Amino acid sequence: MDPNALKNAWTQWMSGLAQGGQGPAAQVYREWEQWVGQQFDKLARSETFLGQTAKALEGSFVLKSQFDRALEGSLKAMRMPSAGDLEAVHKRLDALERRLDQIVDQLEAQVPKAASKRAAKP
């Protein structure tokens, strides 16, 4: 057997797919694609499959929440800030920024009044 025979056959097969879906490769591919589509439709309509998929999804959400709690505990034990800690700091900084903006606005409102009083004095 020619060692390049398989490579040549594969190349010929794939070039048949690439040439606008002509040739035996394209026909086999279309049949395979149709069969896979039918199998997926059967699977997607199966109550058993849908039920098992729902259970697996629910289990993955439970696992993720347990992992998140364990990670938060580990971060706390290492005295590293958690996402909740960072959110709390962010909220406090926002509140401080709003308060500082209010104070600056009040001071700016007082400056023109003080300047006009100085200008009015002889």
N, C-alpha and C. Protein backbone atom coordinates (compact mmCIF):
# COMPACT_ATOMS: atom_id res chain seq x y z
N MET A 1 0.85 -1.19 0.00
CA MET A 1 0.00 0.00 0.00
C MET A 1 0.89 1.23 0.00
N ASP A 2 0.49 2.19 -0.78
CA ASP A 2 1.22 3.45 -0.89
C ASP A 2 1.02 4.25 0.40
N PRO A 3 2.13 4.68 1.06
CA PRO A 3 1.97 5.42 2.32
C PRO A 3 1.24 6.75 2.15
N ASN A 4 1.25 7.29 0.95
CA ASN A 4 0.56 8.56 0.72
C ASN A 4 -0.87 8.36 0.25
N ALA A 5 -1.31 7.12 0.12
CA ALA A 5 -2.65 6.85 -0.42
C ALA A 5 -3.73 7.44 0.47
N LEU A 6 -3.59 7.26 1.79
CA LEU A 6 -4.59 7.79 2.70
C LEU A 6 -4.61 9.32 2.65
N LYS A 7 -3.42 9.93 2.65
CA LYS A 7 -3.33 11.38 2.57
C LYS A 7 -3.96 11.89 1.28
N ASN A 8 -3.67 11.22 0.17
CA ASN A 8 -4.22 11.63 -1.12
C ASN A 8 -5.74 11.47 -1.15
N ALA A 9 -6.23 10.36 -0.57
CA ALA A 9 -7.67 10.12 -0.54
C ALA A 9 -8.36 11.20 0.30
N TRP A 10 -7.76 11.52 1.44
CA TRP A 10 -8.33 12.55 2.31
C TRP A 10 -8.34 13.91 1.61
N THR A 11 -7.24 14.24 0.96
CA THR A 11 -7.16 15.51 0.24
C THR A 11 -8.22 15.58 -0.85
N GLN A 12 -8.39 14.48 -1.57
CA GLN A 12 -9.39 14.44 -2.64
C GLN A 12 -10.80 14.57 -2.04
N TRP A 13 -11.03 13.90 -0.95
CA TRP A 13 -12.32 13.93 -0.26
C TRP A 13 -12.65 15.36 0.17
N MET A 14 -11.69 16.03 0.82
CA MET A 14 -11.92 17.38 1.31
C MET A 14 -12.05 18.39 0.16
N SER A 15 -11.31 18.19 -0.90
CA SER A 15 -11.42 19.11 -2.04
C SER A 15 -12.80 18.98 -2.68
N GLY A 16 -13.40 17.80 -2.62
CA GLY A 16 -14.76 17.62 -3.12
C GLY A 16 -15.75 18.44 -2.31
N LEU A 17 -15.51 18.53 -0.99
CA LEU A 17 -16.38 19.36 -0.15
C LEU A 17 -16.18 20.84 -0.46
N ALA A 18 -14.94 21.21 -0.73
CA ALA A 18 -14.63 22.62 -0.96
C ALA A 18 -15.09 23.12 -2.32
N GLN A 19 -15.33 22.24 -3.25
CA GLN A 19 -15.70 22.65 -4.61
C GLN A 19 -17.20 22.79 -4.75
N GLY A 20 -17.77 23.61 -3.92
CA GLY A 20 -19.20 23.91 -4.04
C GLY A 20 -20.10 22.73 -3.76
N GLY A 21 -19.66 21.79 -2.97
CA GLY A 21 -20.50 20.65 -2.61
C GLY A 21 -20.72 19.67 -3.74
N GLN A 22 -19.72 19.46 -4.56
CA GLN A 22 -19.82 18.51 -5.67
C GLN A 22 -19.08 17.23 -5.30
N GLY A 23 -19.46 16.16 -5.90
CA GLY A 23 -18.74 14.91 -5.73
C GLY A 23 -19.26 14.05 -4.60
N PRO A 24 -18.66 12.85 -4.45
CA PRO A 24 -19.15 11.91 -3.45
C PRO A 24 -18.94 12.40 -2.01
N ALA A 25 -17.88 13.15 -1.78
CA ALA A 25 -17.64 13.64 -0.42
C ALA A 25 -18.77 14.56 0.02
N ALA A 26 -19.18 15.44 -0.85
CA ALA A 26 -20.25 16.37 -0.52
C ALA A 26 -21.56 15.63 -0.26
N GLN A 27 -21.82 14.60 -1.04
CA GLN A 27 -23.05 13.81 -0.85
C GLN A 27 -23.03 13.12 0.50
N VAL A 28 -21.90 12.50 0.85
CA VAL A 28 -21.78 11.82 2.14
C VAL A 28 -21.93 12.84 3.27
N TYR A 29 -21.31 14.00 3.11
CA TYR A 29 -21.39 15.03 4.14
C TYR A 29 -22.83 15.49 4.33
N ARG A 30 -23.55 15.71 3.23
CA ARG A 30 -24.95 16.14 3.34
C ARG A 30 -25.79 15.08 4.04
N GLU A 31 -25.55 13.81 3.72
CA GLU A 31 -26.30 12.72 4.37
C GLU A 31 -25.96 12.67 5.85
N TRP A 32 -24.67 12.81 6.16
CA TRP A 32 -24.24 12.78 7.56
C TRP A 32 -24.86 13.95 8.32
N GLU A 33 -24.83 15.14 7.72
CA GLU A 33 -25.39 16.33 8.35
C GLU A 33 -26.89 16.15 8.60
N GLN A 34 -27.60 15.59 7.66
CA GLN A 34 -29.03 15.35 7.81
C GLN A 34 -29.29 14.35 8.93
N TRP A 35 -28.49 13.28 8.97
CA TRP A 35 -28.66 12.26 10.01
C TRP A 35 -28.39 12.86 11.39
N VAL A 36 -27.30 13.63 11.52
CA VAL A 36 -26.99 14.25 12.80
C VAL A 36 -28.10 15.20 13.22
N GLY A 37 -28.63 15.97 12.28
CA GLY A 37 -29.74 16.87 12.58
C GLY A 37 -30.96 16.14 13.08
N GLN A 38 -31.28 15.01 12.45
CA GLN A 38 -32.42 14.21 12.89
C GLN A 38 -32.20 13.65 14.29
N GLN A 39 -30.98 13.17 14.55
CA GLN A 39 -30.68 12.62 15.87
C GLN A 39 -30.78 13.70 16.95
N PHE A 40 -30.28 14.88 16.62
CA PHE A 40 -30.36 15.98 17.59
C PHE A 40 -31.81 16.37 17.84
N ASP A 41 -32.63 16.41 16.81
CA ASP A 41 -34.05 16.73 16.99
C ASP A 41 -34.72 15.72 17.90
N LYS A 42 -34.41 14.43 17.70
CA LYS A 42 -34.98 13.39 18.58
C LYS A 42 -34.54 13.60 20.01
N LEU A 43 -33.25 13.91 20.17
CA LEU A 43 -32.70 14.10 21.51
C LEU A 43 -33.32 15.32 22.18
N ALA A 44 -33.45 16.41 21.45
CA ALA A 44 -33.98 17.65 22.01
C ALA A 44 -35.45 17.52 22.41
N ARG A 45 -36.17 16.59 21.80
CA ARG A 45 -37.59 16.39 22.14
C ARG A 45 -37.79 15.35 23.22
N SER A 46 -36.72 14.70 23.63
CA SER A 46 -36.80 13.64 24.62
C SER A 46 -36.97 14.22 26.02
N GLU A 47 -38.03 13.81 26.71
CA GLU A 47 -38.27 14.26 28.09
C GLU A 47 -37.14 13.82 29.01
N THR A 48 -36.65 12.61 28.79
CA THR A 48 -35.56 12.10 29.62
C THR A 48 -34.32 12.96 29.47
N PHE A 49 -33.95 13.26 28.24
CA PHE A 49 -32.77 14.09 27.99
C PHE A 49 -32.94 15.47 28.60
N LEU A 50 -34.10 16.09 28.40
CA LEU A 50 -34.34 17.41 28.95
C LEU A 50 -34.30 17.40 30.48
N GLY A 51 -34.87 16.35 31.07
CA GLY A 51 -34.85 16.23 32.53
C GLY A 51 -33.44 16.08 33.06
N GLN A 52 -32.65 15.22 32.41
CA GLN A 52 -31.27 15.02 32.84
C GLN A 52 -30.44 16.28 32.64
N THR A 53 -30.70 16.99 31.56
CA THR A 53 -29.98 18.24 31.30
C THR A 53 -30.31 19.26 32.38
N ALA A 54 -31.58 19.35 32.76
CA ALA A 54 -31.99 20.28 33.81
C ALA A 54 -31.33 19.93 35.14
N LYS A 55 -31.28 18.63 35.47
CA LYS A 55 -30.63 18.20 36.72
C LYS A 55 -29.14 18.54 36.70
N ALA A 56 -28.50 18.30 35.57
CA ALA A 56 -27.07 18.60 35.45
C ALA A 56 -26.82 20.09 35.59
N LEU A 57 -27.67 20.89 34.98
CA LEU A 57 -27.53 22.35 35.07
C LEU A 57 -27.74 22.83 36.50
N GLU A 58 -28.75 22.29 37.15
CA GLU A 58 -29.01 22.66 38.54
C GLU A 58 -27.83 22.26 39.42
N GLY A 59 -27.30 21.07 39.20
CA GLY A 59 -26.14 20.62 39.97
C GLY A 59 -24.93 21.51 39.75
N SER A 60 -24.75 21.96 38.53
CA SER A 60 -23.59 22.83 38.26
C SER A 60 -23.74 24.18 38.95
N PHE A 61 -24.98 24.70 39.05
CA PHE A 61 -25.21 25.95 39.76
C PHE A 61 -24.95 25.78 41.26
N VAL A 62 -25.39 24.66 41.81
CA VAL A 62 -25.14 24.39 43.23
C VAL A 62 -23.64 24.27 43.49
N LEU A 63 -22.95 23.55 42.62
CA LEU A 63 -21.51 23.39 42.76
C LEU A 63 -20.79 24.73 42.68
N LYS A 64 -21.21 25.57 41.75
CA LYS A 64 -20.58 26.89 41.61
C LYS A 64 -20.79 27.73 42.86
N SER A 65 -21.99 27.70 43.43
CA SER A 65 -22.24 28.50 44.63
C SER A 65 -21.40 27.98 45.80
N GLN A 66 -21.26 26.65 45.91
CA GLN A 66 -20.41 26.09 46.97
C GLN A 66 -18.95 26.49 46.75
N PHE A 67 -18.51 26.45 45.53
CA PHE A 67 -17.14 26.86 45.22
C PHE A 67 -16.92 28.32 45.55
N ASP A 68 -17.89 29.17 45.21
CA ASP A 68 -17.77 30.60 45.50
C ASP A 68 -17.68 30.85 47.00
N ARG A 69 -18.51 30.14 47.78
CA ARG A 69 -18.46 30.29 49.24
C ARG A 69 -17.10 29.83 49.79
N ALA A 70 -16.60 28.72 49.27
CA ALA A 70 -15.29 28.23 49.73
C ALA A 70 -14.18 29.20 49.37
N LEU A 71 -14.26 29.78 48.19
CA LEU A 71 -13.25 30.75 47.76
C LEU A 71 -13.31 32.00 48.64
N GLU A 72 -14.52 32.49 48.93
CA GLU A 72 -14.66 33.66 49.81
C GLU A 72 -14.06 33.36 51.18
N GLY A 73 -14.32 32.16 51.71
CA GLY A 73 -13.75 31.78 53.01
C GLY A 73 -12.23 31.72 52.97
N SER A 74 -11.70 31.20 51.89
CA SER A 74 -10.24 31.13 51.74
C SER A 74 -9.64 32.52 51.67
N LEU A 75 -10.27 33.41 50.92
CA LEU A 75 -9.77 34.78 50.83
C LEU A 75 -9.81 35.47 52.19
N LYS A 76 -10.88 35.22 52.94
CA LYS A 76 -10.98 35.82 54.27
C LYS A 76 -9.88 35.29 55.18
N ALA A 77 -9.63 33.98 55.10
CA ALA A 77 -8.59 33.37 55.94
C ALA A 77 -7.21 33.92 55.60
N MET A 78 -7.00 34.27 54.36
CA MET A 78 -5.71 34.84 53.95
C MET A 78 -5.69 36.36 54.10
N ARG A 79 -6.77 36.90 54.65
CA ARG A 79 -6.93 38.35 54.85
C ARG A 79 -6.84 39.11 53.52
N MET A 80 -7.37 38.52 52.48
CA MET A 80 -7.43 39.18 51.18
C MET A 80 -8.86 39.66 50.97
N PRO A 81 -9.04 40.80 50.34
CA PRO A 81 -10.40 41.31 50.15
C PRO A 81 -11.19 40.45 49.17
N SER A 82 -12.44 40.26 49.50
CA SER A 82 -13.33 39.52 48.62
C SER A 82 -14.05 40.50 47.70
N ALA A 83 -14.83 39.97 46.79
CA ALA A 83 -15.61 40.84 45.89
C ALA A 83 -16.58 41.69 46.70
N GLY A 84 -17.16 41.12 47.73
CA GLY A 84 -18.08 41.87 48.59
C GLY A 84 -17.37 43.01 49.31
N ASP A 85 -16.15 42.72 49.78
CA ASP A 85 -15.37 43.77 50.45
C ASP A 85 -15.07 44.92 49.50
N LEU A 86 -14.68 44.58 48.27
CA LEU A 86 -14.37 45.61 47.29
C LEU A 86 -15.60 46.41 46.91
N GLU A 87 -16.75 45.75 46.81
CA GLU A 87 -17.99 46.47 46.52
C GLU A 87 -18.34 47.44 47.65
N ALA A 88 -18.14 47.00 48.90
CA ALA A 88 -18.43 47.88 50.04
C ALA A 88 -17.53 49.11 50.02
N VAL A 89 -16.25 48.92 49.73
CA VAL A 89 -15.32 50.04 49.65
C VAL A 89 -15.73 50.98 48.51
N HIS A 90 -16.11 50.38 47.39
CA HIS A 90 -16.54 51.19 46.23
C HIS A 90 -17.76 52.03 46.58
N LYS A 91 -18.73 51.45 47.27
CA LYS A 91 -19.93 52.20 47.67
C LYS A 91 -19.57 53.34 48.61
N ARG A 92 -18.66 53.08 49.56
CA ARG A 92 -18.26 54.14 50.50
C ARG A 92 -17.54 55.26 49.76
N LEU A 93 -16.69 54.90 48.81
CA LEU A 93 -15.99 55.93 48.03
C LEU A 93 -16.97 56.76 47.22
N ASP A 94 -17.98 56.12 46.65
CA ASP A 94 -19.01 56.86 45.90
C ASP A 94 -19.73 57.85 46.81
N ALA A 95 -20.08 57.39 48.02
CA ALA A 95 -20.77 58.27 48.96
C ALA A 95 -19.88 59.45 49.36
N LEU A 96 -18.60 59.16 49.61
CA LEU A 96 -17.67 60.25 49.95
C LEU A 96 -17.51 61.24 48.80
N GLU A 97 -17.47 60.73 47.59
CA GLU A 97 -17.33 61.59 46.42
C GLU A 97 -18.56 62.50 46.28
N ARG A 98 -19.75 61.94 46.47
CA ARG A 98 -20.96 62.75 46.38
C ARG A 98 -20.96 63.83 47.46
N ARG A 99 -20.55 63.46 48.68
CA ARG A 99 -20.51 64.42 49.78
C ARG A 99 -19.49 65.52 49.50
N LEU A 100 -18.33 65.14 48.99
CA LEU A 100 -17.29 66.11 48.67
C LEU A 100 -17.77 67.06 47.56
N ASP A 101 -18.48 66.52 46.57
CA ASP A 101 -19.04 67.37 45.51
C ASP A 101 -20.03 68.38 46.09
N GLN A 102 -20.85 67.96 47.06
CA GLN A 102 -21.79 68.88 47.70
C GLN A 102 -21.05 69.99 48.44
N ILE A 103 -19.99 69.64 49.14
CA ILE A 103 -19.22 70.65 49.88
C ILE A 103 -18.56 71.63 48.93
N VAL A 104 -17.99 71.10 47.83
CA VAL A 104 -17.36 71.97 46.84
C VAL A 104 -18.40 72.91 46.24
N ASP A 105 -19.58 72.40 45.92
CA ASP A 105 -20.65 73.24 45.37
C ASP A 105 -21.03 74.35 46.35
N GLN A 106 -21.13 74.00 47.64
CA GLN A 106 -21.48 75.00 48.66
C GLN A 106 -20.39 76.06 48.76
N LEU A 107 -19.13 75.63 48.73
CA LEU A 107 -18.02 76.58 48.81
C LEU A 107 -17.99 77.49 47.58
N GLU A 108 -18.22 76.92 46.41
CA GLU A 108 -18.23 77.73 45.19
C GLU A 108 -19.38 78.73 45.20
N ALA A 109 -20.49 78.34 45.82
CA ALA A 109 -21.63 79.27 45.93
C ALA A 109 -21.29 80.41 46.88
N GLN A 110 -20.46 80.18 47.88
CA GLN A 110 -20.08 81.20 48.85
C GLN A 110 -19.02 82.16 48.29
N VAL A 111 -18.18 81.70 47.39
CA VAL A 111 -17.08 82.52 46.87
C VAL A 111 -17.60 83.76 46.14
N PRO A 112 -18.54 83.69 45.23
CA PRO A 112 -19.01 84.92 44.57
C PRO A 112 -19.64 85.90 45.56
N LYS A 113 -20.33 85.38 46.57
CA LYS A 113 -20.95 86.26 47.56
C LYS A 113 -19.86 87.02 48.32
N ALA A 114 -18.81 86.33 48.71
CA ALA A 114 -17.72 86.97 49.45
C ALA A 114 -17.00 87.97 48.57
N ALA A 115 -16.79 87.66 47.31
CA ALA A 115 -16.12 88.57 46.37
C ALA A 115 -16.95 89.83 46.15
N SER A 116 -18.27 89.68 46.04
CA SER A 116 -19.13 90.85 45.81
C SER A 116 -19.19 91.71 47.07
N LYS A 117 -19.11 91.12 48.27
CA LYS A 117 -19.10 91.90 49.51
C LYS A 117 -17.82 92.73 49.59
N ARG A 118 -16.68 92.14 49.19
CA ARG A 118 -15.41 92.87 49.23
C ARG A 118 -15.41 94.01 48.23
N ALA A 119 -16.02 93.78 47.07
CA ALA A 119 -16.07 94.83 46.03
C ALA A 119 -16.98 95.97 46.48
N ALA A 120 -18.01 95.69 47.25
CA ALA A 120 -18.95 96.72 47.68
C ALA A 120 -18.38 97.58 48.78
N LYS A 121 -17.41 97.10 49.56
CA LYS A 121 -16.80 97.89 50.64
C LYS A 121 -15.84 98.91 50.06
N PRO A 122 -15.94 100.17 50.51
CA PRO A 122 -15.00 101.20 50.01
C PRO A 122 -13.68 101.22 50.74
